[in-house]
Amino acid sequence: MFAHNFTFTNPQLLHETIQSGGQNLAKGMEHLLRDLKARQIKMTDTDAFAPGRNLALTPGQVVFK
């Protein structure tokens, strides 16, 4: 539904905001500021991944086609 694209008309967001005392909005703003400083929008924490530890690498081969 179109109305759910806005903060104050999204019932799930309103519920989570009330439940967290607004911490969800504060954390979201922290993420936005971090992304603006880095000049890159991140969908995940890129520091959480390291090649060979929790990220597989296959040199020069197709893994899935």
C-alpha atoms as a PDB file:
ATOM      1  CA  MET A   1       0.000   0.000   0.000  1.00  0.00           C
ATOM      2  CA  PHE A   2       1.286   3.462  -0.905  1.00  0.00           C
ATOM      3  CA  ALA A   3       0.695   4.956   2.546  1.00  0.00           C
ATOM      4  CA  HIS A   4       3.207   2.572   4.151  1.00  0.00           C
ATOM      5  CA  ASN A   5       6.063   4.341   2.372  1.00  0.00           C
ATOM      6  CA  PHE A   6       5.868   7.234   4.819  1.00  0.00           C
ATOM      7  CA  THR A   7       7.085   7.188   8.410  1.00  0.00           C
ATOM      8  CA  PHE A   8       3.926   8.328  10.136  1.00  0.00           C
ATOM      9  CA  THR A   9       1.531   6.187   8.105  1.00  0.00           C
ATOM     10  CA  ASN A  10       3.467   2.916   8.428  1.00  0.00           C
ATOM     11  CA  PRO A  11       1.900   0.931  11.287  1.00  0.00           C
ATOM     12  CA  GLN A  12       4.866  -1.439  11.679  1.00  0.00           C
ATOM     13  CA  LEU A  13       7.330   1.440  11.936  1.00  0.00           C
ATOM     14  CA  LEU A  14       5.111   3.262  14.410  1.00  0.00           C
ATOM     15  CA  HIS A  15       4.819   0.123  16.544  1.00  0.00           C
ATOM     16  CA  GLU A  16       8.585  -0.456  16.535  1.00  0.00           C
ATOM     17  CA  THR A  17       9.233   3.212  17.333  1.00  0.00           C
ATOM     18  CA  ILE A  18       6.925   3.094  20.331  1.00  0.00           C
ATOM     19  CA  GLN A  19       8.353  -0.243  21.510  1.00  0.00           C
ATOM     20  CA  SER A  20      11.972   0.961  21.274  1.00  0.00           C
ATOM     21  CA  GLY A  21      11.332   4.447  22.616  1.00  0.00           C
ATOM     22  CA  GLY A  22      12.565   5.906  19.336  1.00  0.00           C
ATOM     23  CA  GLN A  23      15.879   4.034  19.382  1.00  0.00           C
ATOM     24  CA  ASN A  24      15.146   2.498  15.968  1.00  0.00           C
ATOM     25  CA  LEU A  25      14.947   5.979  14.425  1.00  0.00           C
ATOM     26  CA  ALA A  26      18.110   7.131  16.216  1.00  0.00           C
ATOM     27  CA  LYS A  27      20.027   4.065  15.016  1.00  0.00           C
ATOM     28  CA  GLY A  28      18.762   4.626  11.473  1.00  0.00           C
ATOM     29  CA  MET A  29      20.008   8.218  11.547  1.00  0.00           C
ATOM     30  CA  GLU A  30      23.413   7.000  12.799  1.00  0.00           C
ATOM     31  CA  HIS A  31      23.589   4.608   9.852  1.00  0.00           C
ATOM     32  CA  LEU A  32      22.589   7.371   7.427  1.00  0.00           C
ATOM     33  CA  LEU A  33      25.270   9.709   8.759  1.00  0.00           C
ATOM     34  CA  ARG A  34      27.893   6.932   8.569  1.00  0.00           C
ATOM     35  CA  ASP A  35      26.920   6.252   4.948  1.00  0.00           C
ATOM     36  CA  LEU A  36      26.992   9.938   4.021  1.00  0.00           C
ATOM     37  CA  LYS A  37      30.468  10.323   5.530  1.00  0.00           C
ATOM     38  CA  ALA A  38      31.681   7.263   3.608  1.00  0.00           C
ATOM     39  CA  ARG A  39      29.884   8.476   0.454  1.00  0.00           C
ATOM     40  CA  GLN A  40      28.545   4.959   0.027  1.00  0.00           C
ATOM     41  CA  ILE A  41      25.177   3.511   0.984  1.00  0.00           C
ATOM     42  CA  LYS A  42      25.741   0.194   2.747  1.00  0.00           C
ATOM     43  CA  MET A  43      23.111  -2.514   2.962  1.00  0.00           C
ATOM     44  CA  THR A  44      25.180  -4.532   5.424  1.00  0.00           C
ATOM     45  CA  ASP A  45      28.129  -4.149   7.765  1.00  0.00           C
ATOM     46  CA  THR A  46      31.048  -4.675   5.401  1.00  0.00           C
ATOM     47  CA  ASP A  47      33.463  -5.007   8.333  1.00  0.00           C
ATOM     48  CA  ALA A  48      31.662  -8.206   9.357  1.00  0.00           C
ATOM     49  CA  PHE A  49      33.132 -10.125   6.404  1.00  0.00           C
ATOM     50  CA  ALA A  50      36.712 -11.259   5.845  1.00  0.00           C
ATOM     51  CA  PRO A  51      38.038 -13.409   2.981  1.00  0.00           C
ATOM     52  CA  GLY A  52      38.904 -16.877   4.190  1.00  0.00           C
ATOM     53  CA  ARG A  53      37.161 -16.396   7.521  1.00  0.00           C
ATOM     54  CA  ASN A  54      33.489 -16.097   6.635  1.00  0.00           C
ATOM     55  CA  LEU A  55      33.671 -15.156   2.963  1.00  0.00           C
ATOM     56  CA  ALA A  56      34.621 -17.778   0.380  1.00  0.00           C
ATOM     57  CA  LEU A  57      36.901 -16.986  -2.534  1.00  0.00           C
ATOM     58  CA  THR A  58      37.362 -19.037  -5.695  1.00  0.00           C
ATOM     59  CA  PRO A  59      40.129 -17.690  -7.909  1.00  0.00           C
ATOM     60  CA  GLY A  60      39.288 -17.679 -11.609  1.00  0.00           C
ATOM     61  CA  GLN A  61      36.438 -20.183 -11.544  1.00  0.00           C
ATOM     62  CA  VAL A  62      32.707 -19.872 -11.985  1.00  0.00           C
ATOM     63  CA  VAL A  63      31.021 -21.079  -8.812  1.00  0.00           C
ATOM     64  CA  PHE A  64      27.422 -20.923 -10.005  1.00  0.00           C
ATOM     65  CA  LYS A  65      25.990 -20.293 -13.436  1.00  0.00           C
END
